[in-house]
Protein backbone atom coordinates (compact mmCIF):
# COMPACT_ATOMS: atom_id res chain seq x y z
CA GLN A 1 0.00 0.00 0.00
CA ASN A 2 2.83 2.39 0.85
CA THR A 3 4.50 1.60 -2.47
CA MET A 4 1.30 2.34 -4.39
CA LEU A 5 0.85 5.58 -2.45
CA ALA A 6 4.40 6.63 -3.21
CA LYS A 7 3.84 5.90 -6.89
CA SER A 8 0.63 7.93 -6.92
CA LYS A 9 2.47 10.85 -5.35
CA LEU A 10 5.12 10.64 -8.03
CA LEU A 11 2.48 10.72 -10.73
CA ILE A 12 1.01 14.01 -9.58
CA ARG A 13 4.31 15.69 -8.70
CA ILE A 14 5.24 18.49 -11.15
CA PRO A 15 8.95 18.81 -11.95
CA THR A 16 10.44 22.05 -10.63
CA THR A 17 11.75 23.16 -14.02
CA TYR A 18 8.35 22.66 -15.64
CA LYS A 19 6.61 24.46 -12.76
CA ASN A 20 8.91 27.46 -13.10
CA SER A 21 8.32 27.59 -16.85
CA LEU A 22 4.56 27.36 -16.35
CA ASN A 23 4.54 30.11 -13.71
CA LYS A 24 6.65 32.36 -15.94
CA CYS A 25 4.33 31.77 -18.89
CA MET A 26 1.22 32.56 -16.80
CA HIS A 27 2.86 35.68 -15.37
CA ASN A 28 3.74 36.99 -18.82
CA SER A 29 0.24 36.25 -20.07
CA PHE A 30 -1.50 38.13 -17.27
CA ALA A 31 1.03 40.96 -17.43
CA LYS A 32 -0.18 41.92 -20.91
CA ASP A 33 -3.13 44.05 -19.93
CA PRO A 34 -5.22 44.84 -23.05
CA SER A 35 -6.45 48.12 -21.57
CA LYS A 36 -2.86 49.37 -21.28
CA ARG A 37 -1.77 48.20 -24.68
CA TYR A 38 -4.76 49.08 -26.82
CA GLY A 39 -6.83 51.52 -24.75
CA THR A 40 -7.88 53.74 -27.65
CA THR A 41 -9.75 53.68 -30.95
CA ILE A 42 -8.30 54.27 -34.42
CA LEU A 43 -10.57 54.09 -37.47
CA CYS A 44 -9.72 54.34 -41.16
CA VAL A 45 -12.46 54.86 -43.77
CA ARG A 46 -12.08 54.98 -47.55
CA LYS A 47 -15.08 56.33 -49.46
CA ASN A 48 -15.96 58.56 -52.41
CA GLY A 49 -12.40 59.45 -53.31
CA LYS A 50 -11.35 60.29 -49.74
CA ILE A 51 -9.59 58.37 -47.01
CA VAL A 52 -10.03 59.49 -43.41
CA MET A 53 -8.04 58.24 -40.44
CA MET A 54 -9.54 59.30 -37.12
CA SER A 55 -8.64 58.66 -33.48
CA ASP A 56 -9.86 59.62 -30.06
CA GLY A 57 -7.64 61.63 -27.71
CA GLN A 58 -7.73 59.64 -24.49
CA VAL A 59 -4.59 58.35 -22.78
CA SER A 60 -5.17 55.84 -19.99
CA GLN A 61 -2.97 54.27 -17.35
CA GLY A 62 -4.79 51.24 -16.07
CA ASN A 63 -8.22 52.50 -14.96
CA MET A 64 -7.20 56.18 -14.83
CA MET A 65 -7.54 58.72 -17.64
CA VAL A 66 -4.45 60.96 -17.65
CA LYS A 67 -4.91 62.95 -20.86
CA GLY A 68 -7.80 63.69 -23.18
CA ASN A 69 -6.31 65.46 -26.20
CA ALA A 70 -3.49 63.19 -27.43
CA LYS A 71 -2.67 63.10 -31.13
CA LYS A 72 -2.53 59.53 -32.44
CA VAL A 73 -2.74 60.07 -36.22
CA TRP A 74 0.25 61.42 -38.14
CA ARG A 75 1.47 62.08 -41.66
CA VAL A 76 4.76 60.45 -42.67
CA GLY A 77 6.73 59.84 -45.85
CA LYS A 78 8.72 62.05 -48.16
CA ASP A 79 5.71 64.13 -49.19
CA LYS A 80 3.71 63.54 -45.99
CA ASP A 81 1.21 61.59 -48.07
CA ILE A 82 0.98 58.52 -45.84
CA LEU A 83 -1.24 58.36 -42.76
CA VAL A 84 -0.28 56.42 -39.64
CA GLY A 85 -2.41 55.82 -36.56
CA PHE A 86 -1.42 53.79 -33.54
CA ALA A 87 -2.91 51.98 -30.56
CA GLY A 88 -0.67 50.87 -27.72
CA ALA A 89 2.31 52.16 -25.81
CA THR A 90 3.24 55.62 -27.12
CA ALA A 91 7.02 55.16 -27.02
CA ASP A 92 6.71 51.79 -28.77
CA ALA A 93 4.44 53.25 -31.44
CA PHE A 94 6.82 56.13 -32.19
CA THR A 95 9.73 53.71 -32.42
CA LEU A 96 7.77 51.71 -34.98
CA MET A 97 6.81 54.87 -36.88
CA ASP A 98 10.49 55.83 -37.09
CA SER A 99 11.26 52.36 -38.42
CA LEU A 100 8.48 52.70 -40.99
CA GLU A 101 9.84 56.04 -42.19
CA ARG A 102 13.28 54.47 -42.67
CA LYS A 103 11.72 51.65 -44.65
CA LEU A 104 9.87 54.16 -46.82
CA GLU A 105 13.13 55.98 -47.55
CA GLU A 106 14.84 52.71 -48.46
CA ASN A 107 11.98 51.59 -50.71
CA SER A 108 11.21 54.82 -52.58
CA ASN A 109 7.99 55.46 -50.62
CA GLN A 110 6.46 52.11 -51.64
CA LEU A 111 4.05 51.50 -48.79
CA MET A 112 3.31 47.80 -49.30
CA ARG A 113 6.95 46.75 -49.48
CA SER A 114 7.87 48.97 -46.54
CA CYS A 115 5.07 47.50 -44.41
CA VAL A 116 6.08 43.93 -45.20
CA GLU A 117 9.71 44.62 -44.30
CA LEU A 118 8.72 46.40 -41.09
CA ALA A 119 6.45 43.52 -40.10
CA LYS A 120 9.28 41.07 -40.76
CA ASP A 121 11.69 43.08 -38.59
CA TRP A 122 9.04 43.55 -35.91
CA ARG A 123 8.51 39.80 -35.78
CA THR A 124 12.15 38.70 -35.81
CA ASN A 125 14.22 41.54 -34.34
CA LYS A 126 15.17 40.88 -30.71
CA TYR A 127 14.46 44.47 -29.71
CA LEU A 128 11.46 45.34 -31.91
CA ARG A 129 9.47 42.23 -31.04
CA ARG A 130 9.16 43.51 -27.46
CA LEU A 131 7.24 46.58 -28.66
CA GLU A 132 3.53 46.54 -27.90
CA ALA A 133 1.45 48.51 -30.38
CA VAL A 134 -0.72 48.18 -33.48
CA LEU A 135 -0.37 50.47 -36.51
CA LEU A 136 -2.86 51.50 -39.17
CA VAL A 137 -1.17 52.90 -42.28
CA ALA A 138 -2.73 54.24 -45.46
CA ASP A 139 -1.87 56.11 -48.64
CA SER A 140 -3.97 57.03 -51.68
CA LYS A 141 -4.03 53.43 -52.94
CA VAL A 142 -3.80 50.95 -50.06
CA SER A 143 -4.35 50.63 -46.32
CA TYR A 144 -2.87 48.12 -43.89
CA GLU A 145 -2.94 47.02 -40.29
CA LEU A 146 0.46 46.00 -38.87
CA THR A 147 0.94 43.90 -35.74
CA GLY A 148 3.84 42.42 -33.82
CA ASP A 149 2.76 38.94 -34.94
CA GLY A 150 3.98 39.69 -38.46
CA ASP A 151 0.51 40.49 -39.84
CA VAL A 152 0.04 42.90 -42.73
CA LEU A 153 -3.74 43.06 -43.21
CA ASP A 154 -5.47 45.10 -45.91
CA PHE A 155 -9.02 46.40 -46.24
CA GLN A 156 -11.92 44.11 -47.03
CA TYR A 157 -14.83 46.52 -46.57
CA ASN A 158 -13.07 49.89 -47.13
CA CYS A 159 -12.83 50.45 -43.38
CA MET A 160 -10.61 49.19 -40.60
CA GLY A 161 -10.47 49.76 -36.85
CA VAL A 162 -8.00 48.91 -34.09
CA GLY A 163 -7.75 49.46 -30.35
CA SER A 164 -10.09 48.70 -27.48
CA GLY A 165 -12.98 50.43 -29.25
CA GLY A 166 -11.95 49.38 -32.74
CA ALA A 167 -14.59 46.65 -33.08
CA TYR A 168 -17.40 49.06 -32.15
CA ALA A 169 -16.20 51.74 -34.58
CA LEU A 170 -15.64 49.20 -37.35
CA SER A 171 -19.10 47.67 -36.93
CA ALA A 172 -20.74 51.09 -37.09
CA ALA A 173 -18.64 52.11 -40.10
CA ARG A 174 -19.57 48.99 -42.04
CA ALA A 175 -23.25 49.69 -41.38
CA LEU A 176 -22.91 53.33 -42.48
CA MET A 177 -20.82 52.72 -45.61
CA GLY A 178 -23.94 51.86 -47.60
CA ILE A 179 -25.50 55.31 -47.05
CA ASP A 180 -24.46 57.19 -50.19
CA SER A 181 -25.18 60.64 -48.77
CA LEU A 182 -22.55 60.26 -46.04
CA SER A 183 -18.97 61.29 -46.75
CA ALA A 184 -15.94 59.42 -45.47
CA GLU A 185 -15.49 61.95 -42.68
CA GLU A 186 -19.14 61.71 -41.64
CA VAL A 187 -18.96 57.92 -41.54
CA ALA A 188 -15.82 58.12 -39.42
CA ARG A 189 -17.30 60.68 -37.00
CA LYS A 190 -20.55 58.78 -36.48
CA SER A 191 -18.67 55.50 -36.02
CA MET A 192 -16.22 57.01 -33.55
CA SER A 193 -19.17 58.44 -31.63
CA VAL A 194 -20.54 54.91 -31.20
CA ALA A 195 -17.14 53.68 -30.00
CA SER A 196 -16.74 56.54 -27.50
CA GLU A 197 -20.15 55.76 -25.99
CA MET A 198 -19.35 52.05 -25.59
CA CYS A 199 -15.63 51.90 -24.78
CA ILE A 200 -14.44 53.42 -21.48
CA PHE A 201 -10.94 53.89 -22.91
CA THR A 202 -12.21 56.06 -25.80
CA ASN A 203 -13.33 59.68 -25.57
CA SER A 204 -15.05 62.02 -28.02
CA ASN A 205 -12.10 64.38 -28.61
CA TYR A 206 -11.29 63.30 -32.17
CA THR A 207 -8.29 64.11 -34.33
CA PHE A 208 -8.08 63.08 -37.97
CA GLU A 209 -6.25 63.40 -41.27
CA ILE A 210 -7.72 63.23 -44.78
CA LEU A 211 -6.16 62.17 -48.08
CA ASP A 212 -7.47 62.06 -51.62
CA CYS A 213 -7.55 58.43 -52.74
CA GLU A 214 -7.70 56.61 -56.07
């Protein structure tokens, strides 16, 4: 009986090395708080010859709002004809934007190639892969979402949203896209209004940039 009991104890005992690895994995998983990383809303809408990228202005630290008028949409590129919006840690996002601008210089302002190369570096570079942010980028022809998982996603419904309120804004934008009388800016504003009413990490202080699109 003692032998069988000893064997049963051995069967349920977890090796120390495995336990440490498991605890480390769980700690890292819980440490990635979505509200810290993506507590914002960025929306990009392409309609009737215009492309609008719009964001809210809220900056949150955990459950506290520390700023309400942050600028999260920028123009980059040689002629400032590429829009970039970010959700996530500000310093990480600006580091990625700097990397994107370097890629644009190296690739003669070709957005698709620059995005693919940035995503590849972001995924494989020992330093960049620690950065926690999501980027929306757009020019007159194409629009992409870039993530640290190596994703380069393009439009399917002429609108795209990221951040904690991105799903709300995107859902509203897709519903409004079929109303011909609404411009791209109006669709974006109405959609962001829905997101700001539903997401506690999104306010109604919007900033945006507009480009003519093909």
